[in-house]
C-alpha atoms as a PDB file:
ATOM      1  CA  UNK A   1      -4.508-183.710 -37.679  1.00  0.00           C
ATOM      2  CA  UNK A   2      -5.669-187.332 -38.066  1.00  0.00           C
ATOM      3  CA  UNK A   3      -5.742-188.938 -41.490  1.00  0.00           C
ATOM      4  CA  UNK A   4      -9.324-188.572 -42.645  1.00  0.00           C
ATOM      5  CA  UNK A   5     -11.130-187.637 -45.853  1.00  0.00           C
ATOM      6  CA  UNK A   6     -12.096-184.111 -46.820  1.00  0.00           C
ATOM      7  CA  UNK A   7     -15.454-183.299 -45.177  1.00  0.00           C
ATOM      8  CA  UNK A   8     -18.288-184.405 -47.435  1.00  0.00           C
ATOM      9  CA  UNK A   9     -16.204-186.830 -49.474  1.00  0.00           C
ATOM     10  CA  UNK A  10     -17.942-190.153 -50.102  1.00  0.00           C
ATOM     11  CA  UNK A  11     -16.029-193.308 -51.014  1.00  0.00           C
ATOM     12  CA  UNK A  12     -17.846-195.520 -53.517  1.00  0.00           C
ATOM     13  CA  UNK A  13     -17.335-198.994 -54.983  1.00  0.00           C
ATOM     14  CA  UNK A  14     -16.646-198.592 -58.714  1.00  0.00           C
ATOM     15  CA  UNK A  15     -15.807-200.685 -61.764  1.00  0.00           C
ATOM     16  CA  UNK A  16     -13.098-198.841 -63.707  1.00  0.00           C
ATOM     17  CA  UNK A  17     -10.316-196.688 -62.297  1.00  0.00           C
ATOM     18  CA  UNK A  18     -10.859-193.691 -64.617  1.00  0.00           C
ATOM     19  CA  UNK A  19     -14.654-193.558 -64.556  1.00  0.00           C
ATOM     20  CA  UNK A  20     -14.614-194.513 -60.888  1.00  0.00           C
ATOM     21  CA  UNK A  21     -12.304-191.603 -60.107  1.00  0.00           C
ATOM     22  CA  UNK A  22     -14.536-189.267 -62.112  1.00  0.00           C
ATOM     23  CA  UNK A  23     -17.542-190.622 -60.233  1.00  0.00           C
ATOM     24  CA  UNK A  24     -15.874-189.758 -56.919  1.00  0.00           C
ATOM     25  CA  UNK A  25     -15.093-186.232 -58.107  1.00  0.00           C
ATOM     26  CA  UNK A  26     -18.543-185.674 -59.645  1.00  0.00           C
ATOM     27  CA  UNK A  27     -20.335-187.020 -56.576  1.00  0.00           C
ATOM     28  CA  UNK A  28     -18.323-184.778 -54.266  1.00  0.00           C
ATOM     29  CA  UNK A  29     -19.278-181.796 -56.428  1.00  0.00           C
ATOM     30  CA  UNK A  30     -22.983-182.700 -56.347  1.00  0.00           C
ATOM     31  CA  UNK A  31     -23.155-183.694 -60.022  1.00  0.00           C
ATOM     32  CA  UNK A  32     -24.751-187.151 -59.934  1.00  0.00           C
ATOM     33  CA  UNK A  33     -24.185-189.278 -63.019  1.00  0.00           C
ATOM     34  CA  UNK A  34     -23.799-193.043 -63.242  1.00  0.00           C
ATOM     35  CA  UNK A  35     -20.358-194.483 -63.855  1.00  0.00           C
ATOM     36  CA  UNK A  36     -21.751-196.087 -67.030  1.00  0.00           C
ATOM     37  CA  UNK A  37     -22.979-192.706 -68.309  1.00  0.00           C
ATOM     38  CA  UNK A  38     -19.566-191.175 -67.650  1.00  0.00           C
ATOM     39  CA  UNK A  39     -17.948-193.994 -69.637  1.00  0.00           C
ATOM     40  CA  UNK A  40     -20.367-193.870 -72.550  1.00  0.00           C
ATOM     41  CA  UNK A  41     -20.818-190.123 -72.924  1.00  0.00           C
ATOM     42  CA  UNK A  42     -17.041-189.690 -73.001  1.00  0.00           C
ATOM     43  CA  UNK A  43     -16.563-192.233 -75.787  1.00  0.00           C
ATOM     44  CA  UNK A  44     -14.779-194.606 -73.445  1.00  0.00           C
ATOM     45  CA  UNK A  45     -15.341-197.960 -75.180  1.00  0.00           C
ATOM     46  CA  UNK A  46     -13.202-199.283 -78.024  1.00  0.00           C
ATOM     47  CA  UNK A  47     -10.483-201.842 -78.672  1.00  0.00           C
ATOM     48  CA  UNK A  48      -6.728-201.747 -79.025  1.00  0.00           C
ATOM     49  CA  UNK A  49      -4.050-204.326 -79.731  1.00  0.00           C
ATOM     50  CA  UNK A  50      -0.565-202.938 -79.242  1.00  0.00           C
ATOM     51  CA  UNK A  51       2.854-204.522 -79.152  1.00  0.00           C
ATOM     52  CA  UNK A  52       6.116-202.625 -78.907  1.00  0.00           C
ATOM     53  CA  UNK A  53       9.332-204.604 -79.174  1.00  0.00           C
ATOM     54  CA  UNK A  54      10.659-205.610 -75.788  1.00  0.00           C
ATOM     55  CA  UNK A  55       7.278-205.270 -74.040  1.00  0.00           C
ATOM     56  CA  UNK A  56       4.291-207.539 -73.552  1.00  0.00           C
ATOM     57  CA  UNK A  57       1.525-207.333 -76.166  1.00  0.00           C
ATOM     58  CA  UNK A  58      -1.406-205.307 -74.836  1.00  0.00           C
ATOM     59  CA  UNK A  59      -5.107-205.961 -75.413  1.00  0.00           C
ATOM     60  CA  UNK A  60      -7.561-203.386 -74.064  1.00  0.00           C
ATOM     61  CA  UNK A  61     -11.151-202.289 -74.485  1.00  0.00           C
ATOM     62  CA  UNK A  62     -10.991-198.633 -73.540  1.00  0.00           C
ATOM     63  CA  UNK A  63     -11.595-195.902 -76.061  1.00  0.00           C
ATOM     64  CA  UNK A  64      -9.833-192.542 -75.832  1.00  0.00           C
ATOM     65  CA  UNK A  65     -12.822-190.297 -76.421  1.00  0.00           C
ATOM     66  CA  UNK A  66     -13.059-187.769 -79.208  1.00  0.00           C
ATOM     67  CA  UNK A  67      -9.798-187.593 -81.227  1.00  0.00           C
ATOM     68  CA  UNK A  68      -7.675-184.620 -80.206  1.00  0.00           C
ATOM     69  CA  UNK A  69      -9.725-184.058 -77.066  1.00  0.00           C
ATOM     70  CA  UNK A  70      -9.282-187.141 -74.922  1.00  0.00           C
ATOM     71  CA  UNK A  71     -11.712-189.024 -72.721  1.00  0.00           C
ATOM     72  CA  UNK A  72     -11.722-186.874 -69.601  1.00  0.00           C
ATOM     73  CA  UNK A  73     -12.207-183.593 -71.452  1.00  0.00           C
ATOM     74  CA  UNK A  74     -14.905-185.156 -73.618  1.00  0.00           C
ATOM     75  CA  UNK A  75     -16.802-186.219 -70.489  1.00  0.00           C
ATOM     76  CA  UNK A  76     -16.407-182.708 -69.122  1.00  0.00           C
ATOM     77  CA  UNK A  77     -17.628-180.994 -72.281  1.00  0.00           C
ATOM     78  CA  UNK A  78     -20.806-183.072 -72.357  1.00  0.00           C
ATOM     79  CA  UNK A  79     -21.550-182.570 -68.664  1.00  0.00           C
ATOM     80  CA  UNK A  80     -20.762-178.858 -68.360  1.00  0.00           C
ATOM     81  CA  UNK A  81     -17.502-179.382 -66.479  1.00  0.00           C
ATOM     82  CA  UNK A  82     -14.193-177.797 -67.442  1.00  0.00           C
ATOM     83  CA  UNK A  83     -11.577-180.549 -67.092  1.00  0.00           C
ATOM     84  CA  UNK A  84      -7.879-179.786 -67.384  1.00  0.00           C
ATOM     85  CA  UNK A  85      -4.985-182.195 -67.056  1.00  0.00           C
ATOM     86  CA  UNK A  86      -1.492-181.291 -65.896  1.00  0.00           C
ATOM     87  CA  UNK A  87       1.859-183.041 -66.063  1.00  0.00           C
ATOM     88  CA  UNK A  88       5.310-182.156 -64.785  1.00  0.00           C
ATOM     89  CA  UNK A  89       8.767-183.659 -64.647  1.00  0.00           C
ATOM     90  CA  UNK A  90       9.171-182.220 -61.149  1.00  0.00           C
ATOM     91  CA  UNK A  91       8.115-184.482 -58.296  1.00  0.00           C
ATOM     92  CA  UNK A  92       8.343-181.469 -55.975  1.00  0.00           C
ATOM     93  CA  UNK A  93       5.924-179.432 -58.094  1.00  0.00           C
ATOM     94  CA  UNK A  94       3.550-182.391 -58.388  1.00  0.00           C
ATOM     95  CA  UNK A  95       3.466-182.858 -54.610  1.00  0.00           C
ATOM     96  CA  UNK A  96       3.020-179.122 -53.965  1.00  0.00           C
ATOM     97  CA  UNK A  97       0.103-178.907 -56.416  1.00  0.00           C
ATOM     98  CA  UNK A  98      -1.552-181.907 -54.785  1.00  0.00           C
ATOM     99  CA  UNK A  99      -1.254-180.487 -51.274  1.00  0.00           C
ATOM    100  CA  UNK A 100      -2.477-177.067 -52.401  1.00  0.00           C
ATOM    101  CA  UNK A 101      -5.644-178.528 -53.936  1.00  0.00           C
ATOM    102  CA  UNK A 102      -6.305-180.657 -50.863  1.00  0.00           C
ATOM    103  CA  UNK A 103      -5.879-177.569 -48.666  1.00  0.00           C
ATOM    104  CA  UNK A 104      -8.614-175.913 -50.757  1.00  0.00           C
ATOM    105  CA  UNK A 105     -10.931-178.822 -49.913  1.00  0.00           C
ATOM    106  CA  UNK A 106     -10.678-180.388 -53.366  1.00  0.00           C
ATOM    107  CA  UNK A 107     -10.101-184.140 -53.812  1.00  0.00           C
ATOM    108  CA  UNK A 108      -7.549-184.739 -56.560  1.00  0.00           C
ATOM    109  CA  UNK A 109      -7.651-187.268 -59.396  1.00  0.00           C
ATOM    110  CA  UNK A 110      -4.181-188.626 -60.187  1.00  0.00           C
ATOM    111  CA  UNK A 111      -2.563-190.985 -62.673  1.00  0.00           C
ATOM    112  CA  UNK A 112      -0.063-193.404 -61.166  1.00  0.00           C
ATOM    113  CA  UNK A 113       1.640-196.798 -61.433  1.00  0.00           C
ATOM    114  CA  UNK A 114      -0.498-199.260 -59.492  1.00  0.00           C
ATOM    115  CA  UNK A 115       2.518-201.530 -59.005  1.00  0.00           C
ATOM    116  CA  UNK A 116       3.801-199.232 -56.256  1.00  0.00           C
ATOM    117  CA  UNK A 117       0.526-198.919 -54.349  1.00  0.00           C
ATOM    118  CA  UNK A 118       0.682-201.137 -51.251  1.00  0.00           C
ATOM    119  CA  UNK A 119      -3.025-202.004 -51.162  1.00  0.00           C
ATOM    120  CA  UNK A 120      -2.798-203.977 -54.418  1.00  0.00           C
ATOM    121  CA  UNK A 121      -1.855-207.661 -54.124  1.00  0.00           C
ATOM    122  CA  UNK A 122       0.014-209.234 -57.043  1.00  0.00           C
ATOM    123  CA  UNK A 123       0.768-212.501 -55.234  1.00  0.00           C
ATOM    124  CA  UNK A 124       4.405-211.614 -54.720  1.00  0.00           C
ATOM    125  CA  UNK A 125       5.004-210.800 -58.396  1.00  0.00           C
ATOM    126  CA  UNK A 126       6.324-207.470 -59.600  1.00  0.00           C
ATOM    127  CA  UNK A 127       3.696-205.801 -61.770  1.00  0.00           C
ATOM    128  CA  UNK A 128       3.582-202.296 -63.212  1.00  0.00           C
ATOM    129  CA  UNK A 129       0.786-200.439 -64.978  1.00  0.00           C
ATOM    130  CA  UNK A 130       1.198-196.689 -65.174  1.00  0.00           C
ATOM    131  CA  UNK A 131      -2.248-195.760 -66.512  1.00  0.00           C
ATOM    132  CA  UNK A 132      -4.052-196.313 -63.225  1.00  0.00           C
ATOM    133  CA  UNK A 133      -6.235-193.520 -61.829  1.00  0.00           C
ATOM    134  CA  UNK A 134      -7.377-192.857 -58.282  1.00  0.00           C
ATOM    135  CA  UNK A 135      -8.407-189.965 -56.058  1.00  0.00           C
ATOM    136  CA  UNK A 136      -6.479-188.507 -53.136  1.00  0.00           C
ATOM    137  CA  UNK A 137      -9.138-187.364 -50.685  1.00  0.00           C
ATOM    138  CA  UNK A 138      -7.169-186.545 -47.534  1.00  0.00           C
ATOM    139  CA  UNK A 139      -3.730-185.781 -46.085  1.00  0.00           C
ATOM    140  CA  UNK A 140      -2.086-185.704 -42.669  1.00  0.00           C
ATOM    141  CA  UNK A 141       0.932-183.385 -42.546  1.00  0.00           C
ATOM    142  CA  UNK A 142       2.306-184.878 -39.329  1.00  0.00           C
ATOM    143  CA  UNK A 143       2.574-188.445 -40.633  1.00  0.00           C
ATOM    144  CA  UNK A 144       2.916-187.368 -44.282  1.00  0.00           C
ATOM    145  CA  UNK A 145       0.252-189.867 -45.251  1.00  0.00           C
ATOM    146  CA  UNK A 146      -2.273-189.447 -48.058  1.00  0.00           C
ATOM    147  CA  UNK A 147      -5.703-191.061 -48.129  1.00  0.00           C
ATOM    148  CA  UNK A 148      -6.730-192.697 -51.402  1.00  0.00           C
ATOM    149  CA  UNK A 149     -10.114-193.659 -52.829  1.00  0.00           C
ATOM    150  CA  UNK A 150      -9.838-196.394 -55.455  1.00  0.00           C
ATOM    151  CA  UNK A 151     -12.208-198.944 -56.976  1.00  0.00           C
ATOM    152  CA  UNK A 152     -13.153-200.554 -53.676  1.00  0.00           C
ATOM    153  CA  UNK A 153     -15.120-198.678 -51.035  1.00  0.00           C
ATOM    154  CA  UNK A 154     -12.284-198.812 -48.506  1.00  0.00           C
ATOM    155  CA  UNK A 155     -10.036-195.769 -48.144  1.00  0.00           C
ATOM    156  CA  UNK A 156      -6.305-196.515 -48.292  1.00  0.00           C
ATOM    157  CA  UNK A 157      -3.515-194.692 -46.416  1.00  0.00           C
ATOM    158  CA  UNK A 158      -0.348-194.329 -48.513  1.00  0.00           C
ATOM    159  CA  UNK A 159       2.810-192.439 -47.601  1.00  0.00           C
ATOM    160  CA  UNK A 160       3.688-189.412 -49.700  1.00  0.00           C
ATOM    161  CA  UNK A 161       7.046-191.049 -50.436  1.00  0.00           C
ATOM    162  CA  UNK A 162       5.361-194.082 -52.009  1.00  0.00           C
ATOM    163  CA  UNK A 163       2.797-191.908 -53.777  1.00  0.00           C
ATOM    164  CA  UNK A 164       5.605-189.813 -55.279  1.00  0.00           C
ATOM    165  CA  UNK A 165       7.299-192.982 -56.522  1.00  0.00           C
ATOM    166  CA  UNK A 166       4.051-194.223 -58.047  1.00  0.00           C
ATOM    167  CA  UNK A 167       3.343-190.892 -59.780  1.00  0.00           C
ATOM    168  CA  UNK A 168       6.862-190.641 -61.204  1.00  0.00           C
ATOM    169  CA  UNK A 169       7.187-194.223 -62.448  1.00  0.00           C
ATOM    170  CA  UNK A 170       9.006-194.627 -65.772  1.00  0.00           C
ATOM    171  CA  UNK A 171       7.719-198.106 -66.592  1.00  0.00           C
ATOM    172  CA  UNK A 172       6.422-198.389 -70.144  1.00  0.00           C
ATOM    173  CA  UNK A 173       4.127-198.327 -72.032  1.00  0.00           C
ATOM    174  CA  UNK A 174       2.124-195.880 -69.885  1.00  0.00           C
ATOM    175  CA  UNK A 175       4.392-193.828 -67.580  1.00  0.00           C
ATOM    176  CA  UNK A 176       2.136-191.511 -65.518  1.00  0.00           C
ATOM    177  CA  UNK A 177       4.351-188.382 -65.757  1.00  0.00           C
ATOM    178  CA  UNK A 178       2.989-186.989 -62.447  1.00  0.00           C
ATOM    179  CA  UNK A 179      -0.347-186.358 -64.113  1.00  0.00           C
ATOM    180  CA  UNK A 180      -3.257-184.795 -62.229  1.00  0.00           C
ATOM    181  CA  UNK A 181      -6.588-183.185 -63.106  1.00  0.00           C
ATOM    182  CA  UNK A 182      -8.484-180.071 -62.085  1.00  0.00           C
ATOM    183  CA  UNK A 183     -12.242-179.518 -62.452  1.00  0.00           C
ATOM    184  CA  UNK A 184     -14.524-176.498 -62.670  1.00  0.00           C
ATOM    185  CA  UNK A 185     -18.160-177.426 -61.943  1.00  0.00           C
ATOM    186  CA  UNK A 186     -19.673-173.926 -62.116  1.00  0.00           C
ATOM    187  CA  UNK A 187     -21.553-174.709 -65.339  1.00  0.00           C
ATOM    188  CA  UNK A 188     -22.372-178.357 -64.598  1.00  0.00           C
ATOM    189  CA  UNK A 189     -25.371-179.877 -66.364  1.00  0.00           C
ATOM    190  CA  UNK A 190     -26.784-183.193 -67.490  1.00  0.00           C
ATOM    191  CA  UNK A 191     -25.689-184.404 -70.947  1.00  0.00           C
ATOM    192  CA  UNK A 192     -28.137-183.436 -73.679  1.00  0.00           C
ATOM    193  CA  UNK A 193     -29.858-186.235 -75.674  1.00  0.00           C
ATOM    194  CA  UNK A 194     -28.065-185.180 -78.859  1.00  0.00           C
ATOM    195  CA  UNK A 195     -24.720-185.407 -77.050  1.00  0.00           C
ATOM    196  CA  UNK A 196     -25.511-188.923 -75.866  1.00  0.00           C
ATOM    197  CA  UNK A 197     -26.433-189.936 -79.410  1.00  0.00           C
ATOM    198  CA  UNK A 198     -23.276-188.341 -80.768  1.00  0.00           C
ATOM    199  CA  UNK A 199     -21.167-190.229 -78.220  1.00  0.00           C
ATOM    200  CA  UNK A 200     -22.696-193.519 -79.324  1.00  0.00           C
ATOM    201  CA  UNK A 201     -22.092-192.716 -82.996  1.00  0.00           C
ATOM    202  CA  UNK A 202     -18.495-191.762 -82.322  1.00  0.00           C
ATOM    203  CA  UNK A 203     -17.778-195.029 -80.544  1.00  0.00           C
ATOM    204  CA  UNK A 204     -19.416-197.020 -83.328  1.00  0.00           C
ATOM    205  CA  UNK A 205     -17.348-195.131 -85.907  1.00  0.00           C
ATOM    206  CA  UNK A 206     -14.159-195.747 -83.928  1.00  0.00           C
ATOM    207  CA  UNK A 207     -14.894-199.476 -83.791  1.00  0.00           C
ATOM    208  CA  UNK A 208     -15.834-199.794 -87.464  1.00  0.00           C
ATOM    209  CA  UNK A 209     -13.614-197.308 -89.321  1.00  0.00           C
ATOM    210  CA  UNK A 210     -10.159-197.047 -87.791  1.00  0.00           C
ATOM    211  CA  UNK A 211      -7.226-195.703 -89.840  1.00  0.00           C
ATOM    212  CA  UNK A 212      -4.857-198.349 -88.477  1.00  0.00           C
ATOM    213  CA  UNK A 213      -5.443-202.079 -88.110  1.00  0.00           C
ATOM    214  CA  UNK A 214      -4.532-202.209 -84.406  1.00  0.00           C
ATOM    215  CA  UNK A 215      -7.780-200.521 -83.368  1.00  0.00           C
ATOM    216  CA  UNK A 216     -11.479-201.290 -83.414  1.00  0.00           C
ATOM    217  CA  UNK A 217     -12.943-204.419 -84.969  1.00  0.00           C
ATOM    218  CA  UNK A 218      -9.895-204.772 -87.222  1.00  0.00           C
ATOM    219  CA  UNK A 219      -7.786-204.682 -84.067  1.00  0.00           C
ATOM    220  CA  UNK A 220      -9.693-207.641 -82.625  1.00  0.00           C
ATOM    221  CA  UNK A 221      -8.977-209.599 -85.807  1.00  0.00           C
ATOM    222  CA  UNK A 222      -5.335-208.562 -85.665  1.00  0.00           C
ATOM    223  CA  UNK A 223      -5.065-209.657 -82.039  1.00  0.00           C
ATOM    224  CA  UNK A 224      -6.555-213.016 -82.976  1.00  0.00           C
ATOM    225  CA  UNK A 225      -3.928-213.541 -85.678  1.00  0.00           C
ATOM    226  CA  UNK A 226      -0.902-212.054 -83.922  1.00  0.00           C
ATOM    227  CA  UNK A 227      -1.532-213.970 -80.698  1.00  0.00           C
ATOM    228  CA  UNK A 228      -0.748-217.204 -82.568  1.00  0.00           C
ATOM    229  CA  UNK A 229       2.780-215.824 -83.092  1.00  0.00           C
ATOM    230  CA  UNK A 230       3.408-215.044 -79.423  1.00  0.00           C
ATOM    231  CA  UNK A 231       5.299-218.312 -78.698  1.00  0.00           C
ATOM    232  CA  UNK A 232       7.750-217.442 -81.492  1.00  0.00           C
ATOM    233  CA  UNK A 233       8.502-213.881 -80.335  1.00  0.00           C
ATOM    234  CA  UNK A 234       8.086-214.089 -76.540  1.00  0.00           C
ATOM    235  CA  UNK A 235      10.058-216.157 -74.058  1.00  0.00           C
ATOM    236  CA  UNK A 236       8.120-218.303 -71.597  1.00  0.00           C
ATOM    237  CA  UNK A 237       8.102-215.716 -68.827  1.00  0.00           C
ATOM    238  CA  UNK A 238       6.853-212.899 -71.059  1.00  0.00           C
ATOM    239  CA  UNK A 239       4.304-215.196 -72.703  1.00  0.00           C
ATOM    240  CA  UNK A 240       2.849-216.122 -69.333  1.00  0.00           C
ATOM    241  CA  UNK A 241       2.801-212.479 -68.256  1.00  0.00           C
ATOM    242  CA  UNK A 242       1.015-211.527 -71.495  1.00  0.00           C
ATOM    243  CA  UNK A 243      -1.657-214.135 -70.844  1.00  0.00           C
ATOM    244  CA  UNK A 244      -2.107-212.949 -67.275  1.00  0.00           C
ATOM    245  CA  UNK A 245      -2.240-209.319 -68.411  1.00  0.00           C
ATOM    246  CA  UNK A 246      -4.806-210.120 -71.107  1.00  0.00           C
ATOM    247  CA  UNK A 247      -6.963-211.971 -68.587  1.00  0.00           C
ATOM    248  CA  UNK A 248      -6.754-209.041 -66.170  1.00  0.00           C
ATOM    249  CA  UNK A 249      -7.754-206.415 -68.728  1.00  0.00           C
ATOM    250  CA  UNK A 250     -10.809-208.390 -69.854  1.00  0.00           C
ATOM    251  CA  UNK A 251     -11.955-209.601 -66.433  1.00  0.00           C
ATOM    252  CA  UNK A 252     -13.641-207.397 -63.792  1.00  0.00           C
ATOM    253  CA  UNK A 253     -10.569-207.795 -61.560  1.00  0.00           C
ATOM    254  CA  UNK A 254      -8.600-205.537 -63.879  1.00  0.00           C
ATOM    255  CA  UNK A 255     -11.089-202.689 -63.798  1.00  0.00           C
ATOM    256  CA  UNK A 256     -13.039-203.099 -67.036  1.00  0.00           C
ATOM    257  CA  UNK A 257     -16.283-203.957 -65.304  1.00  0.00           C
ATOM    258  CA  UNK A 258     -16.023-207.351 -67.003  1.00  0.00           C
ATOM    259  CA  UNK A 259     -16.250-208.393 -70.638  1.00  0.00           C
ATOM    260  CA  UNK A 260     -13.563-205.834 -71.591  1.00  0.00           C
ATOM    261  CA  UNK A 261     -15.985-202.925 -70.839  1.00  0.00           C
ATOM    262  CA  UNK A 262     -18.854-204.472 -72.801  1.00  0.00           C
ATOM    263  CA  UNK A 263     -20.927-205.029 -69.657  1.00  0.00           C
ATOM    264  CA  UNK A 264     -20.604-201.374 -68.676  1.00  0.00           C
ATOM    265  CA  UNK A 265     -21.406-200.257 -72.216  1.00  0.00           C
ATOM    266  CA  UNK A 266     -24.488-202.500 -72.234  1.00  0.00           C
ATOM    267  CA  UNK A 267     -25.791-200.734 -69.122  1.00  0.00           C
ATOM    268  CA  UNK A 268     -24.966-197.354 -70.683  1.00  0.00           C
ATOM    269  CA  UNK A 269     -27.074-198.246 -73.742  1.00  0.00           C
ATOM    270  CA  UNK A 270     -30.026-199.063 -71.485  1.00  0.00           C
ATOM    271  CA  UNK A 271     -29.700-195.686 -69.785  1.00  0.00           C
ATOM    272  CA  UNK A 272     -29.225-193.928 -73.125  1.00  0.00           C
ATOM    273  CA  UNK A 273     -32.323-195.581 -74.638  1.00  0.00           C
ATOM    274  CA  UNK A 274     -34.582-193.483 -72.441  1.00  0.00           C
ATOM    275  CA  UNK A 275     -32.550-190.315 -72.831  1.00  0.00           C
ATOM    276  CA  UNK A 276     -32.668-190.316 -76.637  1.00  0.00           C
ATOM    277  CA  UNK A 277     -36.078-192.042 -76.890  1.00  0.00           C
ATOM    278  CA  UNK A 278     -34.780-195.050 -78.802  1.00  0.00           C
ATOM    279  CA  UNK A 279     -36.136-198.209 -77.118  1.00  0.00           C
ATOM    280  CA  UNK A 280     -34.478-200.460 -79.690  1.00  0.00           C
ATOM    281  CA  UNK A 281     -31.184-199.748 -77.939  1.00  0.00           C
ATOM    282  CA  UNK A 282     -32.338-202.212 -75.281  1.00  0.00           C
ATOM    283  CA  UNK A 283     -31.939-204.986 -77.848  1.00  0.00           C
ATOM    284  CA  UNK A 284     -28.429-203.818 -78.606  1.00  0.00           C
ATOM    285  CA  UNK A 285     -27.716-203.683 -74.883  1.00  0.00           C
ATOM    286  CA  UNK A 286     -28.699-207.368 -74.720  1.00  0.00           C
ATOM    287  CA  UNK A 287     -26.374-208.131 -77.619  1.00  0.00           C
ATOM    288  CA  UNK A 288     -23.481-206.220 -76.061  1.00  0.00           C
ATOM    289  CA  UNK A 289     -24.012-208.156 -72.819  1.00  0.00           C
ATOM    290  CA  UNK A 290     -23.739-211.430 -74.784  1.00  0.00           C
ATOM    291  CA  UNK A 291     -20.544-210.175 -76.437  1.00  0.00           C
ATOM    292  CA  UNK A 292     -19.198-209.400 -72.977  1.00  0.00           C
ATOM    293  CA  UNK A 293     -19.971-213.001 -71.998  1.00  0.00           C
ATOM    294  CA  UNK A 294     -17.906-214.202 -74.973  1.00  0.00           C
ATOM    295  CA  UNK A 295     -15.006-211.996 -73.934  1.00  0.00           C
ATOM    296  CA  UNK A 296     -15.205-213.467 -70.454  1.00  0.00           C
ATOM    297  CA  UNK A 297     -14.821-216.936 -71.975  1.00  0.00           C
ATOM    298  CA  UNK A 298     -11.621-215.716 -73.621  1.00  0.00           C
ATOM    299  CA  UNK A 299     -10.401-214.282 -70.329  1.00  0.00           C
ATOM    300  CA  UNK A 300     -10.878-217.605 -68.542  1.00  0.00           C
ATOM    301  CA  UNK A 301      -8.905-219.462 -71.209  1.00  0.00           C
ATOM    302  CA  UNK A 302      -6.047-216.961 -71.031  1.00  0.00           C
ATOM    303  CA  UNK A 303      -5.984-217.471 -67.266  1.00  0.00           C
ATOM    304  CA  UNK A 304      -5.797-221.222 -67.792  1.00  0.00           C
ATOM    305  CA  UNK A 305      -2.915-220.704 -70.233  1.00  0.00           C
ATOM    306  CA  UNK A 306      -1.068-218.528 -67.731  1.00  0.00           C
ATOM    307  CA  UNK A 307      -1.263-221.367 -65.196  1.00  0.00           C
ATOM    308  CA  UNK A 308      -0.646-224.274 -67.639  1.00  0.00           C
ATOM    309  CA  UNK A 309       2.565-226.255 -68.200  1.00  0.00           C
ATOM    310  CA  UNK A 310       2.366-225.368 -71.907  1.00  0.00           C
ATOM    311  CA  UNK A 311       0.637-221.981 -72.153  1.00  0.00           C
ATOM    312  CA  UNK A 312       0.929-221.842 -75.940  1.00  0.00           C
ATOM    313  CA  UNK A 313      -1.577-224.669 -76.291  1.00  0.00           C
ATOM    314  CA  UNK A 314      -4.543-222.419 -75.478  1.00  0.00           C
ATOM    315  CA  UNK A 315      -3.784-219.832 -78.163  1.00  0.00           C
ATOM    316  CA  UNK A 316      -5.555-221.568 -81.028  1.00  0.00           C
ATOM    317  CA  UNK A 317      -8.776-221.602 -79.008  1.00  0.00           C
ATOM    318  CA  UNK A 318      -8.492-217.966 -77.897  1.00  0.00           C
ATOM    319  CA  UNK A 319      -7.658-216.907 -81.455  1.00  0.00           C
ATOM    320  CA  UNK A 320     -10.723-218.670 -82.841  1.00  0.00           C
ATOM    321  CA  UNK A 321     -12.965-217.134 -80.192  1.00  0.00           C
ATOM    322  CA  UNK A 322     -11.619-213.622 -80.794  1.00  0.00           C
ATOM    323  CA  UNK A 323     -12.215-214.027 -84.524  1.00  0.00           C
ATOM    324  CA  UNK A 324     -15.816-214.981 -83.799  1.00  0.00           C
ATOM    325  CA  UNK A 325     -16.172-212.045 -81.413  1.00  0.00           C
ATOM    326  CA  UNK A 326     -14.882-209.675 -84.110  1.00  0.00           C
ATOM    327  CA  UNK A 327     -17.781-210.701 -86.357  1.00  0.00           C
ATOM    328  CA  UNK A 328     -20.270-210.271 -83.514  1.00  0.00           C
ATOM    329  CA  UNK A 329     -18.876-206.848 -82.635  1.00  0.00           C
ATOM    330  CA  UNK A 330     -18.900-205.676 -86.244  1.00  0.00           C
ATOM    331  CA  UNK A 331     -22.574-206.578 -86.615  1.00  0.00           C
ATOM    332  CA  UNK A 332     -23.508-205.073 -83.252  1.00  0.00           C
ATOM    333  CA  UNK A 333     -21.732-201.773 -83.831  1.00  0.00           C
ATOM    334  CA  UNK A 334     -23.245-201.444 -87.321  1.00  0.00           C
ATOM    335  CA  UNK A 335     -26.735-201.929 -85.916  1.00  0.00           C
ATOM    336  CA  UNK A 336     -26.073-199.501 -83.068  1.00  0.00           C
ATOM    337  CA  UNK A 337     -24.767-196.913 -85.513  1.00  0.00           C
ATOM    338  CA  UNK A 338     -27.853-197.258 -87.712  1.00  0.00           C
ATOM    339  CA  UNK A 339     -30.176-196.708 -84.749  1.00  0.00           C
ATOM    340  CA  UNK A 340     -28.544-193.444 -83.656  1.00  0.00           C
ATOM    341  CA  UNK A 341     -27.936-192.108 -87.181  1.00  0.00           C
ATOM    342  CA  UNK A 342     -31.536-192.220 -88.406  1.00  0.00           C
END
């Protein structure tokens, strides 16, 4: 058997690893939704600043969906798809489950550490991020090679040995734990207008009213302040890595679609405006696009700091810009919330 995708599987260029993987699965199962709709209806936009001692500070723009439910299940609930996630400490069980699903003609969405995947280029640097998602869409038993669909349209052959290593990575803060997903599309449907409105309200609430200061708009302000302390608590190597990591997770290269997911959310608002009959959301889509532009300015400066002789010198500028962005985001999310609450 040659290494080729499951019959009918279509590889697509996507923006974000999670929504892109869902898009591959949904498209294969004849449930067409845009990647932006999958992101927005699942409550996938937010903000987090997180720093655990001994690790690099993390800045991200993904939301986790409805509390207690998670993003993937929230997407499933609002699109008529039963989504279940599975984890195991057994690499053998993880591999057997993968091969069984592929044998049934089902592409499989996995969580893994992208640092082990050979088709990523980190310019010779060791880099690990264990919350990467992709889809295995084919397998050849003779060569023991799996075929992977990721954010680019090209399909990537990866040995099962390397895939097992990637799935079982223990690198923090997001070890993948051999996680995979199963889907039941028997009751698939388009999201209802009220569900789209609810998703928007939930994301606005998460940005404006978080119980801890690391999240939402308060998290942006905290990141702005705490980043000024990075030179005091991080050595030069970790400081440079933090700047590179921050650039990556804002910029399209890192899988946010650019502007730390604000560009994708802007396009979701445009799509949602027609679904819930609220044309004023187009104005908020314009505003969210402008906020994404501001985040891109921050990303560029962090990249310059990563490459500079004295990286700490850019932090005052990035801190000031993030503080300004926090005010813009607070106003935008309040206006969005008012539109979908009336």
